[in-house]
Amino acid sequence: MDRFVRNGLLLGYYGGCLTKTQRAMMQLYYEHDYSLGEIAETHSMSRQAVADALRRAERALEKLENEIGMAETAQKTRALAQEGTQNPENASETLQKIFGMWE
């Protein structure tokens, strides 16, 4: 998965765990496509400080995903659900796989 897409996805799952400033910067960068310079201007800081803050936030999101695994589980669930809709005769087996992931 593309780094940009992955970080945007992780922001959706774990953004509430970041500081208010980290979350705001991540949203501007990943959701609103602001440049580092535009974010720096918005927050009255240097481009380097913004880049450092984004890297720290990205590492925090990756750490949370490694510990909790919510994004990976959701991706697997979506894949199994799609498999179930493509093969309705195996729906019972697909549901067992999905619910088995949560045990």
N, C-alpha and C. Protein backbone atom coordinates (compact mmCIF):
# COMPACT_ATOMS: atom_id res chain seq x y z
N MET A 1 0.85 -1.18 0.00
CA MET A 1 0.00 0.00 0.00
C MET A 1 0.90 1.24 0.00
N ASP A 2 0.54 2.21 -0.77
CA ASP A 2 1.26 3.47 -0.86
C ASP A 2 1.36 4.13 0.53
N ARG A 3 2.52 4.68 0.84
CA ARG A 3 2.77 5.30 2.15
C ARG A 3 1.75 6.40 2.44
N PHE A 4 1.46 7.22 1.43
CA PHE A 4 0.53 8.33 1.61
C PHE A 4 -0.86 7.80 1.96
N VAL A 5 -1.31 6.80 1.23
CA VAL A 5 -2.63 6.21 1.47
C VAL A 5 -2.65 5.55 2.85
N ARG A 6 -1.60 4.81 3.17
CA ARG A 6 -1.55 4.11 4.46
C ARG A 6 -1.62 5.10 5.62
N ASN A 7 -0.84 6.18 5.55
CA ASN A 7 -0.87 7.16 6.64
C ASN A 7 -2.23 7.84 6.76
N GLY A 8 -2.87 8.10 5.64
CA GLY A 8 -4.22 8.66 5.68
C GLY A 8 -5.20 7.70 6.32
N LEU A 9 -5.05 6.41 5.99
CA LEU A 9 -5.92 5.39 6.57
C LEU A 9 -5.69 5.28 8.09
N LEU A 10 -4.42 5.21 8.48
CA LEU A 10 -4.11 5.12 9.91
C LEU A 10 -4.58 6.36 10.67
N LEU A 11 -4.51 7.51 10.02
CA LEU A 11 -5.01 8.74 10.65
C LEU A 11 -6.50 8.60 10.94
N GLY A 12 -7.22 8.00 10.03
CA GLY A 12 -8.65 7.79 10.25
C GLY A 12 -8.94 6.88 11.43
N TYR A 13 -8.13 5.86 11.61
CA TYR A 13 -8.34 4.92 12.72
C TYR A 13 -7.82 5.44 14.04
N TYR A 14 -6.65 6.05 14.04
CA TYR A 14 -5.99 6.38 15.30
C TYR A 14 -5.73 7.87 15.51
N GLY A 15 -6.24 8.71 14.64
CA GLY A 15 -5.97 10.15 14.74
C GLY A 15 -6.33 10.75 16.08
N GLY A 16 -7.35 10.22 16.71
CA GLY A 16 -7.75 10.72 18.03
C GLY A 16 -6.72 10.49 19.12
N CYS A 17 -5.73 9.64 18.84
CA CYS A 17 -4.68 9.37 19.83
C CYS A 17 -3.50 10.32 19.70
N LEU A 18 -3.48 11.11 18.65
CA LEU A 18 -2.40 12.08 18.45
C LEU A 18 -2.70 13.35 19.23
N THR A 19 -1.67 14.19 19.38
CA THR A 19 -1.91 15.49 19.98
C THR A 19 -2.77 16.31 19.02
N LYS A 20 -3.39 17.35 19.53
CA LYS A 20 -4.24 18.19 18.69
C LYS A 20 -3.44 18.77 17.52
N THR A 21 -2.23 19.20 17.77
CA THR A 21 -1.39 19.80 16.73
C THR A 21 -0.97 18.75 15.71
N GLN A 22 -0.54 17.57 16.17
CA GLN A 22 -0.16 16.51 15.24
C GLN A 22 -1.33 16.12 14.35
N ARG A 23 -2.48 15.96 14.96
CA ARG A 23 -3.68 15.58 14.20
C ARG A 23 -4.02 16.64 13.16
N ALA A 24 -3.96 17.91 13.56
CA ALA A 24 -4.26 19.01 12.63
C ALA A 24 -3.28 19.01 11.46
N MET A 25 -2.00 18.85 11.74
CA MET A 25 -1.00 18.82 10.67
C MET A 25 -1.19 17.63 9.75
N MET A 26 -1.46 16.48 10.33
CA MET A 26 -1.68 15.27 9.53
C MET A 26 -2.91 15.44 8.64
N GLN A 27 -3.96 16.03 9.18
CA GLN A 27 -5.17 16.24 8.38
C GLN A 27 -4.90 17.20 7.23
N LEU A 28 -4.17 18.27 7.51
CA LEU A 28 -3.85 19.22 6.44
C LEU A 28 -3.01 18.53 5.36
N TYR A 29 -2.05 17.74 5.77
CA TYR A 29 -1.14 17.11 4.81
C TYR A 29 -1.81 15.97 4.05
N TYR A 30 -2.46 15.07 4.76
CA TYR A 30 -2.98 13.86 4.14
C TYR A 30 -4.42 13.98 3.62
N GLU A 31 -5.21 14.82 4.22
CA GLU A 31 -6.61 14.93 3.79
C GLU A 31 -6.86 16.14 2.90
N HIS A 32 -6.10 17.22 3.13
CA HIS A 32 -6.35 18.46 2.39
C HIS A 32 -5.22 18.80 1.42
N ASP A 33 -4.20 17.94 1.36
CA ASP A 33 -3.12 18.07 0.39
C ASP A 33 -2.34 19.38 0.52
N TYR A 34 -2.17 19.86 1.75
CA TYR A 34 -1.34 21.04 1.96
C TYR A 34 0.13 20.64 1.82
N SER A 35 0.95 21.57 1.39
CA SER A 35 2.39 21.35 1.33
C SER A 35 2.98 21.60 2.73
N LEU A 36 4.24 21.19 2.91
CA LEU A 36 4.90 21.45 4.19
C LEU A 36 4.98 22.96 4.45
N GLY A 37 5.25 23.71 3.40
CA GLY A 37 5.32 25.17 3.53
C GLY A 37 4.00 25.78 3.95
N GLU A 38 2.92 25.30 3.37
CA GLU A 38 1.60 25.83 3.72
C GLU A 38 1.25 25.50 5.17
N ILE A 39 1.58 24.29 5.60
CA ILE A 39 1.32 23.91 6.99
C ILE A 39 2.18 24.73 7.93
N ALA A 40 3.45 24.94 7.55
CA ALA A 40 4.36 25.74 8.37
C ALA A 40 3.83 27.15 8.55
N GLU A 41 3.32 27.72 7.48
CA GLU A 41 2.76 29.07 7.55
C GLU A 41 1.53 29.09 8.45
N THR A 42 0.67 28.10 8.32
CA THR A 42 -0.55 28.01 9.12
C THR A 42 -0.24 27.91 10.61
N HIS A 43 0.83 27.17 10.95
CA HIS A 43 1.17 26.93 12.35
C HIS A 43 2.33 27.80 12.85
N SER A 44 2.76 28.75 12.04
CA SER A 44 3.86 29.66 12.41
C SER A 44 5.10 28.89 12.87
N MET A 45 5.53 27.96 12.03
CA MET A 45 6.74 27.20 12.34
C MET A 45 7.50 26.94 11.04
N SER A 46 8.68 26.38 11.17
CA SER A 46 9.49 26.11 9.97
C SER A 46 9.01 24.85 9.25
N ARG A 47 9.37 24.75 7.98
CA ARG A 47 9.04 23.54 7.21
C ARG A 47 9.67 22.32 7.87
N GLN A 48 10.90 22.48 8.37
CA GLN A 48 11.59 21.36 9.01
C GLN A 48 10.86 20.90 10.27
N ALA A 49 10.35 21.85 11.04
CA ALA A 49 9.60 21.50 12.24
C ALA A 49 8.32 20.74 11.88
N VAL A 50 7.67 21.15 10.80
CA VAL A 50 6.47 20.45 10.33
C VAL A 50 6.83 19.04 9.88
N ALA A 51 7.90 18.92 9.10
CA ALA A 51 8.34 17.60 8.62
C ALA A 51 8.65 16.68 9.80
N ASP A 52 9.32 17.21 10.81
CA ASP A 52 9.65 16.42 12.00
C ASP A 52 8.38 16.00 12.75
N ALA A 53 7.45 16.93 12.89
CA ALA A 53 6.19 16.63 13.59
C ALA A 53 5.40 15.56 12.84
N LEU A 54 5.37 15.65 11.51
CA LEU A 54 4.66 14.64 10.71
C LEU A 54 5.32 13.27 10.86
N ARG A 55 6.65 13.24 10.84
CA ARG A 55 7.36 11.96 11.01
C ARG A 55 7.06 11.34 12.37
N ARG A 56 7.06 12.16 13.41
CA ARG A 56 6.75 11.65 14.75
C ARG A 56 5.32 11.12 14.80
N ALA A 57 4.40 11.84 14.21
CA ALA A 57 3.01 11.40 14.19
C ALA A 57 2.85 10.11 13.39
N GLU A 58 3.54 10.02 12.26
CA GLU A 58 3.48 8.80 11.45
C GLU A 58 4.01 7.60 12.23
N ARG A 59 5.11 7.80 12.94
CA ARG A 59 5.67 6.70 13.76
C ARG A 59 4.69 6.30 14.86
N ALA A 60 4.03 7.30 15.47
CA ALA A 60 3.05 7.01 16.52
C ALA A 60 1.88 6.19 15.95
N LEU A 61 1.41 6.55 14.76
CA LEU A 61 0.31 5.82 14.13
C LEU A 61 0.73 4.39 13.79
N GLU A 62 1.94 4.23 13.26
CA GLU A 62 2.44 2.88 12.95
C GLU A 62 2.57 2.03 14.21
N LYS A 63 3.05 2.65 15.28
CA LYS A 63 3.18 1.93 16.55
C LYS A 63 1.81 1.45 17.04
N LEU A 64 0.82 2.32 16.96
CA LEU A 64 -0.53 1.95 17.36
C LEU A 64 -1.06 0.81 16.50
N GLU A 65 -0.84 0.89 15.19
CA GLU A 65 -1.31 -0.17 14.31
C GLU A 65 -0.60 -1.49 14.62
N ASN A 66 0.69 -1.43 14.91
CA ASN A 66 1.42 -2.66 15.26
C ASN A 66 0.91 -3.28 16.55
N GLU A 67 0.49 -2.45 17.49
CA GLU A 67 -0.01 -2.94 18.77
C GLU A 67 -1.47 -3.38 18.70
N ILE A 68 -2.29 -2.65 17.95
CA ILE A 68 -3.73 -2.89 17.94
C ILE A 68 -4.18 -3.64 16.70
N GLY A 69 -3.70 -3.23 15.55
CA GLY A 69 -4.00 -3.93 14.30
C GLY A 69 -5.39 -3.68 13.73
N MET A 70 -6.00 -2.56 14.08
CA MET A 70 -7.36 -2.29 13.64
C MET A 70 -7.46 -2.14 12.12
N ALA A 71 -6.53 -1.45 11.49
CA ALA A 71 -6.58 -1.24 10.04
C ALA A 71 -6.39 -2.56 9.30
N GLU A 72 -5.47 -3.38 9.76
CA GLU A 72 -5.25 -4.69 9.13
C GLU A 72 -6.48 -5.58 9.26
N THR A 73 -7.08 -5.60 10.43
CA THR A 73 -8.28 -6.40 10.65
C THR A 73 -9.42 -5.92 9.77
N ALA A 74 -9.58 -4.62 9.65
CA ALA A 74 -10.64 -4.07 8.80
C ALA A 74 -10.40 -4.44 7.34
N GLN A 75 -9.15 -4.39 6.91
CA GLN A 75 -8.82 -4.75 5.53
C GLN A 75 -9.14 -6.23 5.27
N LYS A 76 -8.78 -7.09 6.19
CA LYS A 76 -9.08 -8.52 6.05
C LYS A 76 -10.58 -8.77 6.04
N THR A 77 -11.30 -8.05 6.91
CA THR A 77 -12.76 -8.20 6.97
C THR A 77 -13.40 -7.78 5.66
N ARG A 78 -12.93 -6.66 5.09
CA ARG A 78 -13.46 -6.21 3.79
C ARG A 78 -13.20 -7.25 2.71
N ALA A 79 -12.00 -7.82 2.69
CA ALA A 79 -11.66 -8.82 1.69
C ALA A 79 -12.55 -10.06 1.83
N LEU A 80 -12.77 -10.49 3.06
CA LEU A 80 -13.63 -11.65 3.29
C LEU A 80 -15.07 -11.34 2.93
N ALA A 81 -15.53 -10.15 3.24
CA ALA A 81 -16.91 -9.77 2.89
C ALA A 81 -17.09 -9.75 1.38
N GLN A 82 -16.10 -9.25 0.67
CA GLN A 82 -16.16 -9.23 -0.78
C GLN A 82 -16.18 -10.66 -1.33
N GLU A 83 -15.36 -11.51 -0.74
CA GLU A 83 -15.35 -12.93 -1.13
C GLU A 83 -16.72 -13.55 -0.90
N GLY A 84 -17.35 -13.19 0.22
CA GLY A 84 -18.68 -13.72 0.54
C GLY A 84 -19.74 -13.26 -0.43
N THR A 85 -19.64 -12.03 -0.91
CA THR A 85 -20.63 -11.55 -1.87
C THR A 85 -20.41 -12.15 -3.25
N GLN A 86 -19.18 -12.50 -3.56
CA GLN A 86 -18.88 -13.11 -4.85
C GLN A 86 -19.22 -14.60 -4.87
N ASN A 87 -19.21 -15.22 -3.71
CA ASN A 87 -19.53 -16.64 -3.59
C ASN A 87 -20.58 -16.85 -2.51
N PRO A 88 -21.83 -16.46 -2.77
CA PRO A 88 -22.87 -16.53 -1.73
C PRO A 88 -23.11 -17.95 -1.22
N GLU A 89 -22.77 -18.96 -2.00
CA GLU A 89 -22.97 -20.34 -1.54
C GLU A 89 -22.03 -20.68 -0.38
N ASN A 90 -20.97 -19.89 -0.21
CA ASN A 90 -20.02 -20.10 0.89
C ASN A 90 -20.19 -19.04 1.98
N ALA A 91 -21.34 -18.38 2.03
CA ALA A 91 -21.54 -17.28 2.97
C ALA A 91 -21.35 -17.71 4.42
N SER A 92 -21.83 -18.87 4.77
CA SER A 92 -21.70 -19.35 6.15
C SER A 92 -20.23 -19.52 6.52
N GLU A 93 -19.46 -20.09 5.62
CA GLU A 93 -18.03 -20.29 5.86
C GLU A 93 -17.30 -18.94 5.97
N THR A 94 -17.68 -18.00 5.12
CA THR A 94 -17.07 -16.66 5.15
C THR A 94 -17.38 -15.97 6.47
N LEU A 95 -18.62 -16.06 6.94
CA LEU A 95 -18.97 -15.45 8.23
C LEU A 95 -18.17 -16.07 9.37
N GLN A 96 -17.97 -17.35 9.32
CA GLN A 96 -17.16 -18.02 10.36
C GLN A 96 -15.73 -17.48 10.35
N LYS A 97 -15.18 -17.25 9.17
CA LYS A 97 -13.83 -16.69 9.06
C LYS A 97 -13.79 -15.29 9.66
N ILE A 98 -14.79 -14.49 9.32
CA ILE A 98 -14.83 -13.11 9.82
C ILE A 98 -14.94 -13.09 11.34
N PHE A 99 -15.89 -13.84 11.88
CA PHE A 99 -16.07 -13.83 13.33
C PHE A 99 -14.91 -14.52 14.04
N GLY A 100 -14.25 -15.45 13.38
CA GLY A 100 -13.08 -16.10 13.94
C GLY A 100 -11.92 -15.14 14.16
N MET A 101 -11.85 -14.10 13.34
CA MET A 101 -10.78 -13.11 13.49
C MET A 101 -10.90 -12.35 14.80
N TRP A 102 -12.10 -12.27 15.36
CA TRP A 102 -12.34 -11.47 16.55
C TRP A 102 -12.22 -12.26 17.84
N GLU A 103 -11.92 -13.54 17.73
CA GLU A 103 -11.80 -14.37 18.94
C GLU A 103 -10.44 -14.26 19.56
